[in-house]
Every structure is written in C-alpha cells, then in structure tokens.
Amino acid sequence: MSSWIDKDNTIHLTRGDTMNLEIKVNHKDGSPYVPQEGDKCWFSVKKTYNKDEEYLIHKEFDLATMSLFLESIDTSSMEYGSYKYDIQMNLANGVVDTIIPRSVFILLEEVT
C-alpha cells in the first residue's frame, strides 16, 4: 500500500484512487486525543486558499476510527495538479481546531 502523506503534510494521490488515511491527534502533552460524542472532523480541498472559492472536496470523516476515506468518485472528475487542503476539528464543547493547517494536495495522473 502506498503512503499518501509526507512529513510536510503534502498528500500525493493518483486521480480516481481510493485513500484511507489514519489521522493521529494528540494533546499538547503528547497524549492521544479521544474523540467525544458530537465532535466532527472535516477534510476540505480547494484549488487555492481563497475563502470564497467553492470546495472541490468537503468530507466529514469517521472520528471513531480517525480515518479519512476518499472514494474514487471524490477525485475522478478533478484535473491533475496541485490543490490546497486542511483538516479541521469542531469539538462538541465549541472548540474549533485546524489539526492540519493549509497544506498541499497533489492529484497525480493515472497510467492504467
């Protein structure tokens, strides 16, 4: 299986492929964050960082497993190239935390 994300949080994904990316979230003291009922986590992709631009991908993902799953359909109609993404948690207690700040999402050409 491929590794989709590198140390600078850049995601490399071949267009039309599926991706199941486990997200690890820790408190400042290093202890793992345990999701609470009512917490939500969002993965958002845009062409640029512009707040007025529409989302190309905007998915809530499974906090029970802390896994982001992209289906083939999520990227199959997108153009190859570089996009921007972030991952934001909206906690049930009202705290909003961008756990992966603005980073690069590269959609690669498929060969087969």
PDB file of N, CA and C in Angstrom:
ATOM      1  N   MET A   1       0.845  -1.184   0.000  1.00  0.00           N
ATOM      2  CA  MET A   1       0.000   0.000   0.000  1.00  0.00           C
ATOM      3  C   MET A   1       0.886   1.241   0.000  1.00  0.00           C
ATOM      4  N   SER A   2       0.401   2.277  -0.572  1.00  0.00           N
ATOM      5  CA  SER A   2       1.207   3.493  -0.666  1.00  0.00           C
ATOM      6  C   SER A   2       1.032   4.381   0.559  1.00  0.00           C
ATOM      7  N   SER A   3       1.993   5.235   0.758  1.00  0.00           N
ATOM      8  CA  SER A   3       1.914   6.236   1.809  1.00  0.00           C
ATOM      9  C   SER A   3       1.495   7.540   1.145  1.00  0.00           C
ATOM     10  N   TRP A   4       0.362   8.068   1.526  1.00  0.00           N
ATOM     11  CA  TRP A   4      -0.209   9.211   0.829  1.00  0.00           C
ATOM     12  C   TRP A   4       0.298  10.556   1.331  1.00  0.00           C
ATOM     13  N   ILE A   5       0.727  10.615   2.572  1.00  0.00           N
ATOM     14  CA  ILE A   5       1.071  11.903   3.159  1.00  0.00           C
ATOM     15  C   ILE A   5       2.533  11.889   3.600  1.00  0.00           C
ATOM     16  N   ASP A   6       3.250  12.976   3.299  1.00  0.00           N
ATOM     17  CA  ASP A   6       4.651  13.025   3.712  1.00  0.00           C
ATOM     18  C   ASP A   6       4.811  13.931   4.932  1.00  0.00           C
ATOM     19  N   LYS A   7       6.043  14.093   5.393  1.00  0.00           N
ATOM     20  CA  LYS A   7       6.290  14.781   6.663  1.00  0.00           C
ATOM     21  C   LYS A   7       5.881  16.247   6.668  1.00  0.00           C
ATOM     22  N   ASP A   8       5.754  16.875   5.509  1.00  0.00           N
ATOM     23  CA  ASP A   8       5.290  18.274   5.486  1.00  0.00           C
ATOM     24  C   ASP A   8       3.786  18.363   5.225  1.00  0.00           C
ATOM     25  N   ASN A   9       3.083  17.224   5.401  1.00  0.00           N
ATOM     26  CA  ASN A   9       1.627  17.110   5.252  1.00  0.00           C
ATOM     27  C   ASN A   9       1.144  17.181   3.809  1.00  0.00           C
ATOM     28  N   THR A  10       2.046  17.118   2.831  1.00  0.00           N
ATOM     29  CA  THR A  10       1.620  17.062   1.436  1.00  0.00           C
ATOM     30  C   THR A  10       1.018  15.691   1.165  1.00  0.00           C
ATOM     31  N   ILE A  11      -0.172  15.690   0.552  1.00  0.00           N
ATOM     32  CA  ILE A  11      -0.816  14.446   0.148  1.00  0.00           C
ATOM     33  C   ILE A  11      -0.580  14.259  -1.343  1.00  0.00           C
ATOM     34  N   HIS A  12      -0.164  13.052  -1.729  1.00  0.00           N
ATOM     35  CA  HIS A  12       0.011  12.655  -3.129  1.00  0.00           C
ATOM     36  C   HIS A  12      -0.987  11.538  -3.399  1.00  0.00           C
ATOM     37  N   LEU A  13      -1.899  11.754  -4.336  1.00  0.00           N
ATOM     38  CA  LEU A  13      -2.903  10.745  -4.641  1.00  0.00           C
ATOM     39  C   LEU A  13      -3.119  10.687  -6.149  1.00  0.00           C
ATOM     40  N   THR A  14      -3.145   9.488  -6.694  1.00  0.00           N
ATOM     41  CA  THR A  14      -3.448   9.316  -8.109  1.00  0.00           C
ATOM     42  C   THR A  14      -4.944   9.521  -8.311  1.00  0.00           C
ATOM     43  N   ARG A  15      -5.288  10.324  -9.312  1.00  0.00           N
ATOM     44  CA  ARG A  15      -6.693  10.626  -9.575  1.00  0.00           C
ATOM     45  C   ARG A  15      -7.494   9.336  -9.722  1.00  0.00           C
ATOM     46  N   GLY A  16      -8.625   9.284  -9.031  1.00  0.00           N
ATOM     47  CA  GLY A  16      -9.504   8.127  -9.103  1.00  0.00           C
ATOM     48  C   GLY A  16      -9.167   7.004  -8.143  1.00  0.00           C
ATOM     49  N   ASP A  17      -8.044   7.090  -7.449  1.00  0.00           N
ATOM     50  CA  ASP A  17      -7.708   6.074  -6.456  1.00  0.00           C
ATOM     51  C   ASP A  17      -8.490   6.318  -5.166  1.00  0.00           C
ATOM     52  N   THR A  18      -8.624   5.266  -4.372  1.00  0.00           N
ATOM     53  CA  THR A  18      -9.194   5.417  -3.040  1.00  0.00           C
ATOM     54  C   THR A  18      -8.059   5.673  -2.056  1.00  0.00           C
ATOM     55  N   MET A  19      -8.396   6.310  -0.953  1.00  0.00           N
ATOM     56  CA  MET A  19      -7.396   6.606   0.071  1.00  0.00           C
ATOM     57  C   MET A  19      -8.046   6.429   1.428  1.00  0.00           C
ATOM     58  N   ASN A  20      -7.387   5.703   2.304  1.00  0.00           N
ATOM     59  CA  ASN A  20      -7.838   5.560   3.678  1.00  0.00           C
ATOM     60  C   ASN A  20      -6.683   6.024   4.562  1.00  0.00           C
ATOM     61  N   LEU A  21      -6.792   7.254   5.045  1.00  0.00           N
ATOM     62  CA  LEU A  21      -5.701   7.896   5.762  1.00  0.00           C
ATOM     63  C   LEU A  21      -6.054   8.019   7.236  1.00  0.00           C
ATOM     64  N   GLU A  22      -5.258   7.388   8.093  1.00  0.00           N
ATOM     65  CA  GLU A  22      -5.472   7.484   9.534  1.00  0.00           C
ATOM     66  C   GLU A  22      -4.861   8.787  10.041  1.00  0.00           C
ATOM     67  N   ILE A  23      -5.661   9.552  10.771  1.00  0.00           N
ATOM     68  CA  ILE A  23      -5.223  10.824  11.323  1.00  0.00           C
ATOM     69  C   ILE A  23      -4.979  10.644  12.813  1.00  0.00           C
ATOM     70  N   LYS A  24      -3.787  10.976  13.264  1.00  0.00           N
ATOM     71  CA  LYS A  24      -3.469  10.876  14.692  1.00  0.00           C
ATOM     72  C   LYS A  24      -3.469  12.278  15.293  1.00  0.00           C
ATOM     73  N   VAL A  25      -4.248  12.452  16.348  1.00  0.00           N
ATOM     74  CA  VAL A  25      -4.368  13.741  17.015  1.00  0.00           C
ATOM     75  C   VAL A  25      -3.939  13.563  18.461  1.00  0.00           C
ATOM     76  N   ASN A  26      -3.014  14.416  18.898  1.00  0.00           N
ATOM     77  CA  ASN A  26      -2.536  14.371  20.276  1.00  0.00           C
ATOM     78  C   ASN A  26      -2.770  15.705  20.969  1.00  0.00           C
ATOM     79  N   HIS A  27      -2.938  15.630  22.282  1.00  0.00           N
ATOM     80  CA  HIS A  27      -2.971  16.837  23.102  1.00  0.00           C
ATOM     81  C   HIS A  27      -1.558  17.419  23.147  1.00  0.00           C
ATOM     82  N   LYS A  28      -1.426  18.631  23.640  1.00  0.00           N
ATOM     83  CA  LYS A  28      -0.104  19.268  23.718  1.00  0.00           C
ATOM     84  C   LYS A  28       0.877  18.467  24.564  1.00  0.00           C
ATOM     85  N   ASP A  29       0.367  17.701  25.546  1.00  0.00           N
ATOM     86  CA  ASP A  29       1.254  16.890  26.382  1.00  0.00           C
ATOM     87  C   ASP A  29       1.670  15.575  25.719  1.00  0.00           C
ATOM     88  N   GLY A  30       1.182  15.340  24.486  1.00  0.00           N
ATOM     89  CA  GLY A  30       1.543  14.147  23.738  1.00  0.00           C
ATOM     90  C   GLY A  30       0.576  12.990  23.886  1.00  0.00           C
ATOM     91  N   SER A  31      -0.363  13.090  24.799  1.00  0.00           N
ATOM     92  CA  SER A  31      -1.338  12.012  24.969  1.00  0.00           C
ATOM     93  C   SER A  31      -2.339  12.032  23.814  1.00  0.00           C
ATOM     94  N   PRO A  32      -2.822  10.861  23.410  1.00  0.00           N
ATOM     95  CA  PRO A  32      -3.738  10.805  22.267  1.00  0.00           C
ATOM     96  C   PRO A  32      -5.092  11.443  22.592  1.00  0.00           C
ATOM     97  N   TYR A  33      -5.632  12.140  21.615  1.00  0.00           N
ATOM     98  CA  TYR A  33      -6.971  12.702  21.763  1.00  0.00           C
ATOM     99  C   TYR A  33      -7.989  11.595  21.536  1.00  0.00           C
ATOM    100  N   VAL A  34      -8.961  11.495  22.425  1.00  0.00           N
ATOM    101  CA  VAL A  34     -10.033  10.523  22.286  1.00  0.00           C
ATOM    102  C   VAL A  34     -11.290  11.289  21.870  1.00  0.00           C
ATOM    103  N   PRO A  35     -11.806  11.034  20.664  1.00  0.00           N
ATOM    104  CA  PRO A  35     -12.984  11.761  20.191  1.00  0.00           C
ATOM    105  C   PRO A  35     -14.177  11.599  21.133  1.00  0.00           C
ATOM    106  N   GLN A  36     -14.938  12.676  21.265  1.00  0.00           N
ATOM    107  CA  GLN A  36     -16.122  12.702  22.115  1.00  0.00           C
ATOM    108  C   GLN A  36     -17.369  12.736  21.239  1.00  0.00           C
ATOM    109  N   GLU A  37     -18.479  12.302  21.775  1.00  0.00           N
ATOM    110  CA  GLU A  37     -19.737  12.365  21.041  1.00  0.00           C
ATOM    111  C   GLU A  37     -20.037  13.817  20.676  1.00  0.00           C
ATOM    112  N   GLY A  38     -20.376  14.042  19.425  1.00  0.00           N
ATOM    113  CA  GLY A  38     -20.677  15.392  18.950  1.00  0.00           C
ATOM    114  C   GLY A  38     -19.513  16.075  18.262  1.00  0.00           C
ATOM    115  N   ASP A  39     -18.296  15.526  18.402  1.00  0.00           N
ATOM    116  CA  ASP A  39     -17.146  16.077  17.683  1.00  0.00           C
ATOM    117  C   ASP A  39     -17.313  15.785  16.191  1.00  0.00           C
ATOM    118  N   LYS A  40     -16.838  16.699  15.363  1.00  0.00           N
ATOM    119  CA  LYS A  40     -16.864  16.499  13.913  1.00  0.00           C
ATOM    120  C   LYS A  40     -15.488  16.875  13.366  1.00  0.00           C
ATOM    121  N   CYS A  41     -15.112  16.209  12.297  1.00  0.00           N
ATOM    122  CA  CYS A  41     -13.831  16.496  11.669  1.00  0.00           C
ATOM    123  C   CYS A  41     -14.051  16.597  10.167  1.00  0.00           C
ATOM    124  N   TRP A  42     -13.475  17.647   9.552  1.00  0.00           N
ATOM    125  CA  TRP A  42     -13.693  17.935   8.141  1.00  0.00           C
ATOM    126  C   TRP A  42     -12.381  17.983   7.370  1.00  0.00           C
ATOM    127  N   PHE A  43     -12.394  17.370   6.192  1.00  0.00           N
ATOM    128  CA  PHE A  43     -11.303  17.432   5.230  1.00  0.00           C
ATOM    129  C   PHE A  43     -11.819  18.284   4.079  1.00  0.00           C
ATOM    130  N   SER A  44     -11.111  19.365   3.773  1.00  0.00           N
ATOM    131  CA  SER A  44     -11.561  20.301   2.738  1.00  0.00           C
ATOM    132  C   SER A  44     -10.453  20.536   1.727  1.00  0.00           C
ATOM    133  N   VAL A  45     -10.832  20.488   0.439  1.00  0.00           N
ATOM    134  CA  VAL A  45      -9.889  20.731  -0.656  1.00  0.00           C
ATOM    135  C   VAL A  45     -10.454  21.835  -1.537  1.00  0.00           C
ATOM    136  N   LYS A  46      -9.595  22.801  -1.876  1.00  0.00           N
ATOM    137  CA  LYS A  46      -9.927  23.879  -2.809  1.00  0.00           C
ATOM    138  C   LYS A  46      -8.774  24.028  -3.793  1.00  0.00           C
ATOM    139  N   LYS A  47      -9.030  24.715  -4.891  1.00  0.00           N
ATOM    140  CA  LYS A  47      -7.966  24.984  -5.861  1.00  0.00           C
ATOM    141  C   LYS A  47      -6.914  25.921  -5.253  1.00  0.00           C
ATOM    142  N   THR A  48      -7.375  26.943  -4.513  1.00  0.00           N
ATOM    143  CA  THR A  48      -6.471  27.878  -3.838  1.00  0.00           C
ATOM    144  C   THR A  48      -6.955  28.060  -2.406  1.00  0.00           C
ATOM    145  N   TYR A  49      -6.261  28.889  -1.652  1.00  0.00           N
ATOM    146  CA  TYR A  49      -6.651  29.155  -0.267  1.00  0.00           C
ATOM    147  C   TYR A  49      -7.810  30.135  -0.150  1.00  0.00           C
ATOM    148  N   ASN A  50      -8.236  30.712  -1.248  1.00  0.00           N
ATOM    149  CA  ASN A  50      -9.278  31.729  -1.229  1.00  0.00           C
ATOM    150  C   ASN A  50     -10.525  31.223  -0.516  1.00  0.00           C
ATOM    151  N   LYS A  51     -10.964  31.938   0.524  1.00  0.00           N
ATOM    152  CA  LYS A  51     -12.131  31.521   1.299  1.00  0.00           C
ATOM    153  C   LYS A  51     -13.418  31.554   0.490  1.00  0.00           C
ATOM    154  N   ASP A  52     -13.486  32.356  -0.575  1.00  0.00           N
ATOM    155  CA  ASP A  52     -14.713  32.463  -1.368  1.00  0.00           C
ATOM    156  C   ASP A  52     -14.837  31.372  -2.426  1.00  0.00           C
ATOM    157  N   GLU A  53     -13.783  30.632  -2.661  1.00  0.00           N
ATOM    158  CA  GLU A  53     -13.801  29.597  -3.687  1.00  0.00           C
ATOM    159  C   GLU A  53     -14.559  28.372  -3.175  1.00  0.00           C
ATOM    160  N   GLU A  54     -15.253  27.671  -4.076  1.00  0.00           N
ATOM    161  CA  GLU A  54     -16.031  26.510  -3.664  1.00  0.00           C
ATOM    162  C   GLU A  54     -15.126  25.323  -3.330  1.00  0.00           C
ATOM    163  N   TYR A  55     -15.639  24.459  -2.466  1.00  0.00           N
ATOM    164  CA  TYR A  55     -14.918  23.236  -2.131  1.00  0.00           C
ATOM    165  C   TYR A  55     -14.955  22.269  -3.307  1.00  0.00           C
ATOM    166  N   LEU A  56     -13.832  21.639  -3.588  1.00  0.00           N
ATOM    167  CA  LEU A  56     -13.787  20.546  -4.554  1.00  0.00           C
ATOM    168  C   LEU A  56     -14.064  19.226  -3.842  1.00  0.00           C
ATOM    169  N   ILE A  57     -13.589  19.143  -2.616  1.00  0.00           N
ATOM    170  CA  ILE A  57     -13.903  18.029  -1.716  1.00  0.00           C
ATOM    171  C   ILE A  57     -14.153  18.632  -0.344  1.00  0.00           C
ATOM    172  N   HIS A  58     -15.216  18.226   0.297  1.00  0.00           N
ATOM    173  CA  HIS A  58     -15.531  18.671   1.661  1.00  0.00           C
ATOM    174  C   HIS A  58     -16.220  17.497   2.343  1.00  0.00           C
ATOM    175  N   LYS A  59     -15.429  16.744   3.112  1.00  0.00           N
ATOM    176  CA  LYS A  59     -15.929  15.494   3.689  1.00  0.00           C
ATOM    177  C   LYS A  59     -15.761  15.479   5.192  1.00  0.00           C
ATOM    178  N   GLU A  60     -16.836  15.102   5.855  1.00  0.00           N
ATOM    179  CA  GLU A  60     -16.733  14.784   7.273  1.00  0.00           C
ATOM    180  C   GLU A  60     -16.176  13.372   7.352  1.00  0.00           C
ATOM    181  N   PHE A  61     -15.305  13.128   8.306  1.00  0.00           N
ATOM    182  CA  PHE A  61     -14.805  11.759   8.374  1.00  0.00           C
ATOM    183  C   PHE A  61     -14.973  11.140   9.734  1.00  0.00           C
ATOM    184  N   ASP A  62     -14.765   9.838   9.762  1.00  0.00           N
ATOM    185  CA  ASP A  62     -15.097   8.984  10.888  1.00  0.00           C
ATOM    186  C   ASP A  62     -14.178   9.248  12.086  1.00  0.00           C
ATOM    187  N   LEU A  63     -14.753   9.843  13.135  1.00  0.00           N
ATOM    188  CA  LEU A  63     -13.956  10.108  14.322  1.00  0.00           C
ATOM    189  C   LEU A  63     -13.739   8.858  15.167  1.00  0.00           C
ATOM    190  N   ALA A  64     -14.606   7.878  15.039  1.00  0.00           N
ATOM    191  CA  ALA A  64     -14.429   6.647  15.813  1.00  0.00           C
ATOM    192  C   ALA A  64     -13.115   5.967  15.440  1.00  0.00           C
ATOM    193  N   THR A  65     -12.768   6.004  14.151  1.00  0.00           N
ATOM    194  CA  THR A  65     -11.532   5.372  13.696  1.00  0.00           C
ATOM    195  C   THR A  65     -10.461   6.410  13.362  1.00  0.00           C
ATOM    196  N   MET A  66     -10.838   7.694  13.364  1.00  0.00           N
ATOM    197  CA  MET A  66      -9.945   8.783  12.951  1.00  0.00           C
ATOM    198  C   MET A  66      -9.348   8.481  11.576  1.00  0.00           C
ATOM    199  N   SER A  67     -10.205   8.007  10.674  1.00  0.00           N
ATOM    200  CA  SER A  67      -9.780   7.676   9.321  1.00  0.00           C
ATOM    201  C   SER A  67     -10.534   8.512   8.301  1.00  0.00           C
ATOM    202  N   LEU A  68      -9.783   9.080   7.392  1.00  0.00           N
ATOM    203  CA  LEU A  68     -10.340   9.808   6.259  1.00  0.00           C
ATOM    204  C   LEU A  68     -10.348   8.853   5.075  1.00  0.00           C
ATOM    205  N   PHE A  69     -11.533   8.611   4.530  1.00  0.00           N
ATOM    206  CA  PHE A  69     -11.646   7.713   3.392  1.00  0.00           C
ATOM    207  C   PHE A  69     -12.116   8.502   2.186  1.00  0.00           C
ATOM    208  N   LEU A  70     -11.293   8.553   1.138  1.00  0.00           N
ATOM    209  CA  LEU A  70     -11.698   9.144  -0.132  1.00  0.00           C
ATOM    210  C   LEU A  70     -12.035   8.019  -1.084  1.00  0.00           C
ATOM    211  N   GLU A  71     -13.178   8.147  -1.734  1.00  0.00           N
ATOM    212  CA  GLU A  71     -13.594   7.182  -2.733  1.00  0.00           C
ATOM    213  C   GLU A  71     -13.085   7.630  -4.098  1.00  0.00           C
ATOM    214  N   SER A  72     -13.078   6.728  -5.040  1.00  0.00           N
ATOM    215  CA  SER A  72     -12.649   7.033  -6.399  1.00  0.00           C
ATOM    216  C   SER A  72     -13.405   8.232  -6.966  1.00  0.00           C
ATOM    217  N   ILE A  73     -14.701   8.279  -6.730  1.00  0.00           N
ATOM    218  CA  ILE A  73     -15.561   9.343  -7.265  1.00  0.00           C
ATOM    219  C   ILE A  73     -15.164  10.724  -6.740  1.00  0.00           C
ATOM    220  N   ASP A  74     -14.528  10.783  -5.579  1.00  0.00           N
ATOM    221  CA  ASP A  74     -14.166  12.072  -4.980  1.00  0.00           C
ATOM    222  C   ASP A  74     -13.159  12.848  -5.822  1.00  0.00           C
ATOM    223  N   THR A  75     -12.312  12.144  -6.577  1.00  0.00           N
ATOM    224  CA  THR A  75     -11.276  12.826  -7.365  1.00  0.00           C
ATOM    225  C   THR A  75     -11.354  12.539  -8.860  1.00  0.00           C
ATOM    226  N   SER A  76     -12.208  11.615  -9.281  1.00  0.00           N
ATOM    227  CA  SER A  76     -12.187  11.154 -10.676  1.00  0.00           C
ATOM    228  C   SER A  76     -12.485  12.253 -11.698  1.00  0.00           C
ATOM    229  N   SER A  77     -13.199  13.297 -11.319  1.00  0.00           N
ATOM    230  CA  SER A  77     -13.504  14.363 -12.277  1.00  0.00           C
ATOM    231  C   SER A  77     -12.620  15.602 -12.098  1.00  0.00           C
ATOM    232  N   MET A  78     -11.704  15.551 -11.142  1.00  0.00           N
ATOM    233  CA  MET A  78     -10.808  16.688 -10.911  1.00  0.00           C
ATOM    234  C   MET A  78      -9.653  16.672 -11.909  1.00  0.00           C
ATOM    235  N   GLU A  79      -9.132  17.845 -12.231  1.00  0.00           N
ATOM    236  CA  GLU A  79      -7.960  17.943 -13.094  1.00  0.00           C
ATOM    237  C   GLU A  79      -6.715  17.558 -12.299  1.00  0.00           C
ATOM    238  N   TYR A  80      -5.714  17.046 -13.016  1.00  0.00           N
ATOM    239  CA  TYR A  80      -4.435  16.764 -12.385  1.00  0.00           C
ATOM    240  C   TYR A  80      -3.843  18.083 -11.894  1.00  0.00           C
ATOM    241  N   GLY A  81      -3.063  18.016 -10.834  1.00  0.00           N
ATOM    242  CA  GLY A  81      -2.374  19.218 -10.405  1.00  0.00           C
ATOM    243  C   GLY A  81      -2.353  19.385  -8.901  1.00  0.00           C
ATOM    244  N   SER A  82      -2.008  20.593  -8.501  1.00  0.00           N
ATOM    245  CA  SER A  82      -1.808  20.930  -7.101  1.00  0.00           C
ATOM    246  C   SER A  82      -3.011  21.704  -6.561  1.00  0.00           C
ATOM    247  N   TYR A  83      -3.468  21.283  -5.396  1.00  0.00           N
ATOM    248  CA  TYR A  83      -4.595  21.896  -4.703  1.00  0.00           C
ATOM    249  C   TYR A  83      -4.167  22.217  -3.276  1.00  0.00           C
ATOM    250  N   LYS A  84      -5.065  22.807  -2.514  1.00  0.00           N
ATOM    251  CA  LYS A  84      -4.814  23.123  -1.114  1.00  0.00           C
ATOM    252  C   LYS A  84      -5.850  22.402  -0.257  1.00  0.00           C
ATOM    253  N   TYR A  85      -5.435  21.946   0.924  1.00  0.00           N
ATOM    254  CA  TYR A  85      -6.369  21.285   1.831  1.00  0.00           C
ATOM    255  C   TYR A  85      -6.042  21.642   3.267  1.00  0.00           C
ATOM    256  N   ASP A  86      -7.005  21.400   4.133  1.00  0.00           N
ATOM    257  CA  ASP A  86      -6.766  21.410   5.567  1.00  0.00           C
ATOM    258  C   ASP A  86      -7.722  20.427   6.228  1.00  0.00           C
ATOM    259  N   ILE A  87      -7.457  20.131   7.492  1.00  0.00           N
ATOM    260  CA  ILE A  87      -8.335  19.276   8.281  1.00  0.00           C
ATOM    261  C   ILE A  87      -8.661  20.024   9.561  1.00  0.00           C
ATOM    262  N   GLN A  88      -9.954  20.162   9.813  1.00  0.00           N
ATOM    263  CA  GLN A  88     -10.429  20.937  10.957  1.00  0.00           C
ATOM    264  C   GLN A  88     -11.329  20.081  11.831  1.00  0.00           C
ATOM    265  N   MET A  89     -11.112  20.171  13.143  1.00  0.00           N
ATOM    266  CA  MET A  89     -11.989  19.509  14.099  1.00  0.00           C
ATOM    267  C   MET A  89     -12.890  20.556  14.741  1.00  0.00           C
ATOM    268  N   ASN A  90     -14.173  20.264  14.798  1.00  0.00           N
ATOM    269  CA  ASN A  90     -15.149  21.083  15.512  1.00  0.00           C
ATOM    270  C   ASN A  90     -15.617  20.235  16.686  1.00  0.00           C
ATOM    271  N   LEU A  91     -15.148  20.574  17.868  1.00  0.00           N
ATOM    272  CA  LEU A  91     -15.439  19.763  19.036  1.00  0.00           C
ATOM    273  C   LEU A  91     -16.813  20.094  19.607  1.00  0.00           C
ATOM    274  N   ALA A  92     -17.415  19.119  20.262  1.00  0.00           N
ATOM    275  CA  ALA A  92     -18.747  19.276  20.839  1.00  0.00           C
ATOM    276  C   ALA A  92     -18.779  20.410  21.865  1.00  0.00           C
ATOM    277  N   ASN A  93     -17.639  20.711  22.491  1.00  0.00           N
ATOM    278  CA  ASN A  93     -17.605  21.772  23.504  1.00  0.00           C
ATOM    279  C   ASN A  93     -17.424  23.166  22.898  1.00  0.00           C
ATOM    280  N   GLY A  94     -17.441  23.263  21.554  1.00  0.00           N
ATOM    281  CA  GLY A  94     -17.344  24.557  20.884  1.00  0.00           C
ATOM    282  C   GLY A  94     -15.958  24.925  20.383  1.00  0.00           C
ATOM    283  N   VAL A  95     -14.953  24.168  20.764  1.00  0.00           N
ATOM    284  CA  VAL A  95     -13.589  24.436  20.315  1.00  0.00           C
ATOM    285  C   VAL A  95     -13.462  24.057  18.839  1.00  0.00           C
ATOM    286  N   VAL A  96     -12.837  24.944  18.065  1.00  0.00           N
ATOM    287  CA  VAL A  96     -12.528  24.676  16.661  1.00  0.00           C
ATOM    288  C   VAL A  96     -11.007  24.641  16.538  1.00  0.00           C
ATOM    289  N   ASP A  97     -10.482  23.568  15.973  1.00  0.00           N
ATOM    290  CA  ASP A  97      -9.035  23.391  15.893  1.00  0.00           C
ATOM    291  C   ASP A  97      -8.671  22.848  14.517  1.00  0.00           C
ATOM    292  N   THR A  98      -7.856  23.600  13.782  1.00  0.00           N
ATOM    293  CA  THR A  98      -7.355  23.120  12.497  1.00  0.00           C
ATOM    294  C   THR A  98      -6.143  22.251  12.795  1.00  0.00           C
ATOM    295  N   ILE A  99      -6.342  20.927  12.700  1.00  0.00           N
ATOM    296  CA  ILE A  99      -5.293  19.998  13.124  1.00  0.00           C
ATOM    297  C   ILE A  99      -4.228  19.781  12.061  1.00  0.00           C
ATOM    298  N   ILE A 100      -4.579  19.979  10.804  1.00  0.00           N
ATOM    299  CA  ILE A 100      -3.577  20.053   9.736  1.00  0.00           C
ATOM    300  C   ILE A 100      -3.852  21.364   9.009  1.00  0.00           C
ATOM    301  N   PRO A 101      -2.956  22.332   9.173  1.00  0.00           N
ATOM    302  CA  PRO A 101      -3.179  23.632   8.543  1.00  0.00           C
ATOM    303  C   PRO A 101      -3.021  23.546   7.025  1.00  0.00           C
ATOM    304  N   ARG A 102      -3.293  24.641   6.369  1.00  0.00           N
ATOM    305  CA  ARG A 102      -3.226  24.688   4.902  1.00  0.00           C
ATOM    306  C   ARG A 102      -1.991  23.960   4.388  1.00  0.00           C
ATOM    307  N   SER A 103      -2.261  22.953   3.571  1.00  0.00           N
ATOM    308  CA  SER A 103      -1.191  22.118   3.033  1.00  0.00           C
ATOM    309  C   SER A 103      -1.499  21.798   1.570  1.00  0.00           C
ATOM    310  N   VAL A 104      -0.588  21.086   0.923  1.00  0.00           N
ATOM    311  CA  VAL A 104      -0.691  20.808  -0.497  1.00  0.00           C
ATOM    312  C   VAL A 104      -1.284  19.411  -0.723  1.00  0.00           C
ATOM    313  N   PHE A 105      -2.215  19.327  -1.673  1.00  0.00           N
ATOM    314  CA  PHE A 105      -2.835  18.085  -2.112  1.00  0.00           C
ATOM    315  C   PHE A 105      -2.528  17.960  -3.598  1.00  0.00           C
ATOM    316  N   ILE A 106      -1.703  16.967  -3.955  1.00  0.00           N
ATOM    317  CA  ILE A 106      -1.286  16.797  -5.344  1.00  0.00           C
ATOM    318  C   ILE A 106      -2.045  15.621  -5.944  1.00  0.00           C
ATOM    319  N   LEU A 107      -2.777  15.917  -7.013  1.00  0.00           N
ATOM    320  CA  LEU A 107      -3.521  14.894  -7.726  1.00  0.00           C
ATOM    321  C   LEU A 107      -2.703  14.470  -8.936  1.00  0.00           C
ATOM    322  N   LEU A 108      -2.250  13.222  -8.912  1.00  0.00           N
ATOM    323  CA  LEU A 108      -1.345  12.697  -9.929  1.00  0.00           C
ATOM    324  C   LEU A 108      -2.094  12.038 -11.071  1.00  0.00           C
ATOM    325  N   GLU A 109      -1.449  11.991 -12.236  1.00  0.00           N
ATOM    326  CA  GLU A 109      -2.016  11.310 -13.394  1.00  0.00           C
ATOM    327  C   GLU A 109      -1.990   9.804 -13.183  1.00  0.00           C
ATOM    328  N   GLU A 110      -3.041   9.154 -13.652  1.00  0.00           N
ATOM    329  CA  GLU A 110      -3.052   7.698 -13.608  1.00  0.00           C
ATOM    330  C   GLU A 110      -2.482   7.154 -14.918  1.00  0.00           C
ATOM    331  N   VAL A 111      -1.868   5.997 -14.850  1.00  0.00           N
ATOM    332  CA  VAL A 111      -1.299   5.363 -16.029  1.00  0.00           C
ATOM    333  C   VAL A 111      -2.224   4.269 -16.533  1.00  0.00           C
ATOM    334  N   THR A 112      -2.826   3.519 -15.620  1.00  0.00           N
ATOM    335  CA  THR A 112      -3.725   2.419 -16.007  1.00  0.00           C
ATOM    336  C   THR A 112      -5.165   2.801 -15.823  1.00  0.00           C
TER     337      THR A 112
END
